[in-house]
Amino acid sequence: MNDTPISEMTFEQAMSELERIVTQLERGDVPLEDSISLYEKGAELKKRCETKLKEAEQKVAAITLDEDGSVTGTKPLEGL
C-alpha cells in the first residue's frame, strides 16, 4: 500500500494502487464497509490518473515543430 497522498502520486503510482484495489475488490473477500472505502479510493485514483494523462496530452500538444519535423520549442499552455 502506498502512503503517498493521492494528490501527489505520479501516474504510475496511482495506476498501481488502482490495480491493487481492483484486484482486491474482484476477489470478493472484502467486507462491505471496506469495499465501499476501497471503491471511493479507487474513484479518487482514477481521477488522478485522468488528470495526469490530460496534463501529458497538453504538454505533447504544445510541442512545436519546424517544417522538417524537428522540435523547435513549445507553445504556452493555456489553462495550466
N, C-alpha and C. Protein backbone atom coordinates (compact mmCIF):
# COMPACT_ATOMS: atom_id res chain seq x y z
N MET A 1 0.84 -1.18 0.00
CA MET A 1 0.00 0.00 0.00
C MET A 1 0.88 1.24 0.00
N ASN A 2 0.51 2.21 -0.83
CA ASN A 2 1.28 3.42 -1.00
C ASN A 2 0.83 4.47 0.02
N ASP A 3 1.79 5.07 0.74
CA ASP A 3 1.46 6.08 1.76
C ASP A 3 1.46 7.50 1.20
N THR A 4 1.82 7.65 -0.09
CA THR A 4 1.83 8.96 -0.72
C THR A 4 0.39 9.46 -0.88
N PRO A 5 0.11 10.72 -0.53
CA PRO A 5 -1.24 11.25 -0.77
C PRO A 5 -1.58 11.15 -2.26
N ILE A 6 -2.83 10.84 -2.56
CA ILE A 6 -3.24 10.66 -3.95
C ILE A 6 -2.91 11.89 -4.78
N SER A 7 -3.10 13.07 -4.21
CA SER A 7 -2.85 14.31 -4.95
C SER A 7 -1.38 14.51 -5.33
N GLU A 8 -0.49 13.73 -4.73
CA GLU A 8 0.95 13.84 -5.01
C GLU A 8 1.49 12.64 -5.78
N MET A 9 0.64 11.67 -6.08
CA MET A 9 1.09 10.46 -6.77
C MET A 9 1.41 10.73 -8.24
N THR A 10 2.41 10.02 -8.72
CA THR A 10 2.66 10.02 -10.15
C THR A 10 1.58 9.17 -10.81
N PHE A 11 1.51 9.25 -12.12
CA PHE A 11 0.56 8.41 -12.86
C PHE A 11 0.80 6.94 -12.53
N GLU A 12 2.06 6.53 -12.55
CA GLU A 12 2.40 5.12 -12.32
C GLU A 12 2.03 4.66 -10.92
N GLN A 13 2.25 5.51 -9.92
CA GLN A 13 1.88 5.16 -8.56
C GLN A 13 0.37 5.00 -8.43
N ALA A 14 -0.36 5.95 -8.99
CA ALA A 14 -1.82 5.92 -8.89
C ALA A 14 -2.38 4.70 -9.63
N MET A 15 -1.84 4.39 -10.79
CA MET A 15 -2.32 3.25 -11.56
C MET A 15 -2.02 1.94 -10.83
N SER A 16 -0.86 1.83 -10.24
CA SER A 16 -0.50 0.63 -9.50
C SER A 16 -1.44 0.42 -8.31
N GLU A 17 -1.70 1.50 -7.59
CA GLU A 17 -2.60 1.41 -6.43
C GLU A 17 -4.02 1.08 -6.88
N LEU A 18 -4.46 1.66 -7.98
CA LEU A 18 -5.79 1.37 -8.52
C LEU A 18 -5.90 -0.10 -8.92
N GLU A 19 -4.87 -0.63 -9.56
CA GLU A 19 -4.87 -2.05 -9.94
C GLU A 19 -4.95 -2.95 -8.72
N ARG A 20 -4.24 -2.57 -7.65
CA ARG A 20 -4.27 -3.35 -6.41
C ARG A 20 -5.69 -3.37 -5.83
N ILE A 21 -6.34 -2.22 -5.84
CA ILE A 21 -7.71 -2.12 -5.30
C ILE A 21 -8.68 -2.93 -6.15
N VAL A 22 -8.58 -2.83 -7.46
CA VAL A 22 -9.47 -3.59 -8.34
C VAL A 22 -9.32 -5.09 -8.09
N THR A 23 -8.09 -5.55 -7.97
CA THR A 23 -7.84 -6.96 -7.70
C THR A 23 -8.48 -7.38 -6.39
N GLN A 24 -8.32 -6.56 -5.39
CA GLN A 24 -8.89 -6.85 -4.07
C GLN A 24 -10.42 -6.93 -4.14
N LEU A 25 -11.04 -5.97 -4.84
CA LEU A 25 -12.50 -5.96 -4.96
C LEU A 25 -12.99 -7.14 -5.80
N GLU A 26 -12.25 -7.50 -6.83
CA GLU A 26 -12.66 -8.62 -7.69
C GLU A 26 -12.64 -9.95 -6.95
N ARG A 27 -11.75 -10.07 -5.98
CA ARG A 27 -11.68 -11.32 -5.20
C ARG A 27 -12.96 -11.53 -4.41
N GLY A 28 -13.59 -10.43 -4.00
CA GLY A 28 -14.85 -10.52 -3.30
C GLY A 28 -14.77 -10.94 -1.85
N ASP A 29 -13.58 -10.91 -1.27
CA ASP A 29 -13.45 -11.34 0.12
C ASP A 29 -13.26 -10.16 1.08
N VAL A 30 -13.68 -8.98 0.64
CA VAL A 30 -13.55 -7.78 1.46
C VAL A 30 -14.92 -7.46 2.07
N PRO A 31 -14.98 -7.19 3.38
CA PRO A 31 -16.25 -6.81 3.99
C PRO A 31 -16.87 -5.59 3.30
N LEU A 32 -18.19 -5.48 3.37
CA LEU A 32 -18.92 -4.44 2.67
C LEU A 32 -18.39 -3.04 2.96
N GLU A 33 -18.21 -2.69 4.22
CA GLU A 33 -17.74 -1.34 4.57
C GLU A 33 -16.36 -1.07 3.97
N ASP A 34 -15.48 -2.06 4.01
CA ASP A 34 -14.15 -1.91 3.41
C ASP A 34 -14.25 -1.79 1.90
N SER A 35 -15.18 -2.52 1.29
CA SER A 35 -15.39 -2.43 -0.15
C SER A 35 -15.79 -1.03 -0.55
N ILE A 36 -16.66 -0.42 0.23
CA ILE A 36 -17.11 0.95 -0.07
C ILE A 36 -15.93 1.91 0.02
N SER A 37 -15.12 1.77 1.05
CA SER A 37 -13.95 2.64 1.21
C SER A 37 -12.96 2.44 0.06
N LEU A 38 -12.75 1.18 -0.32
CA LEU A 38 -11.84 0.89 -1.43
C LEU A 38 -12.38 1.46 -2.74
N TYR A 39 -13.68 1.35 -2.95
CA TYR A 39 -14.30 1.88 -4.16
C TYR A 39 -14.11 3.40 -4.22
N GLU A 40 -14.32 4.08 -3.10
CA GLU A 40 -14.15 5.54 -3.05
C GLU A 40 -12.70 5.92 -3.34
N LYS A 41 -11.76 5.19 -2.76
CA LYS A 41 -10.35 5.47 -3.02
C LYS A 41 -10.02 5.19 -4.48
N GLY A 42 -10.59 4.12 -5.02
CA GLY A 42 -10.38 3.80 -6.43
C GLY A 42 -10.87 4.91 -7.35
N ALA A 43 -12.00 5.52 -6.99
CA ALA A 43 -12.54 6.63 -7.79
C ALA A 43 -11.59 7.83 -7.75
N GLU A 44 -11.00 8.10 -6.60
CA GLU A 44 -10.02 9.19 -6.48
C GLU A 44 -8.77 8.89 -7.31
N LEU A 45 -8.33 7.64 -7.26
CA LEU A 45 -7.15 7.25 -8.03
C LEU A 45 -7.41 7.35 -9.53
N LYS A 46 -8.60 6.95 -9.95
CA LYS A 46 -8.97 7.05 -11.37
C LYS A 46 -8.93 8.51 -11.81
N LYS A 47 -9.46 9.39 -10.98
CA LYS A 47 -9.45 10.82 -11.30
C LYS A 47 -8.02 11.34 -11.40
N ARG A 48 -7.16 10.90 -10.49
CA ARG A 48 -5.74 11.32 -10.53
C ARG A 48 -5.08 10.86 -11.82
N CYS A 49 -5.33 9.63 -12.22
CA CYS A 49 -4.76 9.10 -13.47
C CYS A 49 -5.25 9.93 -14.65
N GLU A 50 -6.54 10.23 -14.68
CA GLU A 50 -7.10 11.03 -15.77
C GLU A 50 -6.47 12.42 -15.82
N THR A 51 -6.25 13.02 -14.65
CA THR A 51 -5.63 14.34 -14.58
C THR A 51 -4.21 14.30 -15.13
N LYS A 52 -3.44 13.31 -14.69
CA LYS A 52 -2.05 13.20 -15.15
C LYS A 52 -1.99 12.93 -16.65
N LEU A 53 -2.90 12.12 -17.19
CA LEU A 53 -2.93 11.87 -18.62
C LEU A 53 -3.26 13.14 -19.40
N LYS A 54 -4.21 13.92 -18.89
CA LYS A 54 -4.59 15.17 -19.55
C LYS A 54 -3.41 16.14 -19.56
N GLU A 55 -2.70 16.22 -18.45
CA GLU A 55 -1.51 17.07 -18.39
C GLU A 55 -0.48 16.66 -19.43
N ALA A 56 -0.26 15.36 -19.56
CA ALA A 56 0.70 14.86 -20.54
C ALA A 56 0.24 15.16 -21.96
N GLU A 57 -1.04 14.98 -22.24
CA GLU A 57 -1.58 15.28 -23.57
C GLU A 57 -1.40 16.75 -23.91
N GLN A 58 -1.63 17.63 -22.93
CA GLN A 58 -1.47 19.06 -23.16
C GLN A 58 -0.01 19.42 -23.44
N LYS A 59 0.91 18.78 -22.74
CA LYS A 59 2.33 19.04 -22.98
C LYS A 59 2.73 18.59 -24.38
N VAL A 60 2.26 17.43 -24.79
CA VAL A 60 2.58 16.92 -26.13
C VAL A 60 1.97 17.83 -27.19
N ALA A 61 0.74 18.27 -26.97
CA ALA A 61 0.07 19.14 -27.93
C ALA A 61 0.77 20.49 -28.04
N ALA A 62 1.50 20.91 -27.03
CA ALA A 62 2.15 22.21 -27.02
C ALA A 62 3.52 22.18 -27.71
N ILE A 63 4.01 21.03 -28.08
CA ILE A 63 5.32 20.95 -28.73
C ILE A 63 5.19 21.49 -30.15
N THR A 64 6.08 22.40 -30.50
CA THR A 64 6.06 22.96 -31.85
C THR A 64 7.19 22.35 -32.68
N LEU A 65 6.90 22.13 -33.95
CA LEU A 65 7.87 21.53 -34.86
C LEU A 65 8.15 22.49 -36.01
N ASP A 66 9.36 22.37 -36.59
CA ASP A 66 9.63 23.14 -37.79
C ASP A 66 9.19 22.33 -39.00
N GLU A 67 9.43 22.85 -40.19
CA GLU A 67 8.95 22.17 -41.40
C GLU A 67 9.60 20.82 -41.64
N ASP A 68 10.75 20.55 -41.00
CA ASP A 68 11.41 19.25 -41.11
C ASP A 68 10.93 18.27 -40.05
N GLY A 69 10.08 18.73 -39.14
CA GLY A 69 9.59 17.87 -38.08
C GLY A 69 10.44 17.88 -36.83
N SER A 70 11.42 18.77 -36.78
CA SER A 70 12.28 18.88 -35.61
C SER A 70 11.60 19.76 -34.57
N VAL A 71 11.79 19.41 -33.30
CA VAL A 71 11.21 20.19 -32.21
C VAL A 71 11.89 21.55 -32.14
N THR A 72 11.08 22.59 -32.14
CA THR A 72 11.63 23.95 -32.05
C THR A 72 11.30 24.61 -30.72
N GLY A 73 10.41 24.05 -29.97
CA GLY A 73 10.02 24.63 -28.69
C GLY A 73 8.63 24.20 -28.33
N THR A 74 8.03 24.96 -27.44
CA THR A 74 6.67 24.68 -27.03
C THR A 74 5.85 25.94 -27.06
N LYS A 75 4.57 25.78 -27.30
CA LYS A 75 3.63 26.89 -27.23
C LYS A 75 3.25 27.05 -25.77
N PRO A 76 2.87 28.25 -25.36
CA PRO A 76 2.40 28.41 -23.97
C PRO A 76 1.16 27.55 -23.75
N LEU A 77 1.11 26.91 -22.61
CA LEU A 77 -0.05 26.09 -22.27
C LEU A 77 -1.14 26.97 -21.70
N GLU A 78 -2.33 26.85 -22.25
CA GLU A 78 -3.45 27.63 -21.76
C GLU A 78 -4.15 26.84 -20.64
N GLY A 79 -4.51 27.53 -19.59
CA GLY A 79 -5.29 26.90 -18.53
C GLY A 79 -4.50 26.10 -17.53
N LEU A 80 -3.18 26.12 -17.61
CA LEU A 80 -2.38 25.40 -16.61
C LEU A 80 -1.58 26.35 -15.77
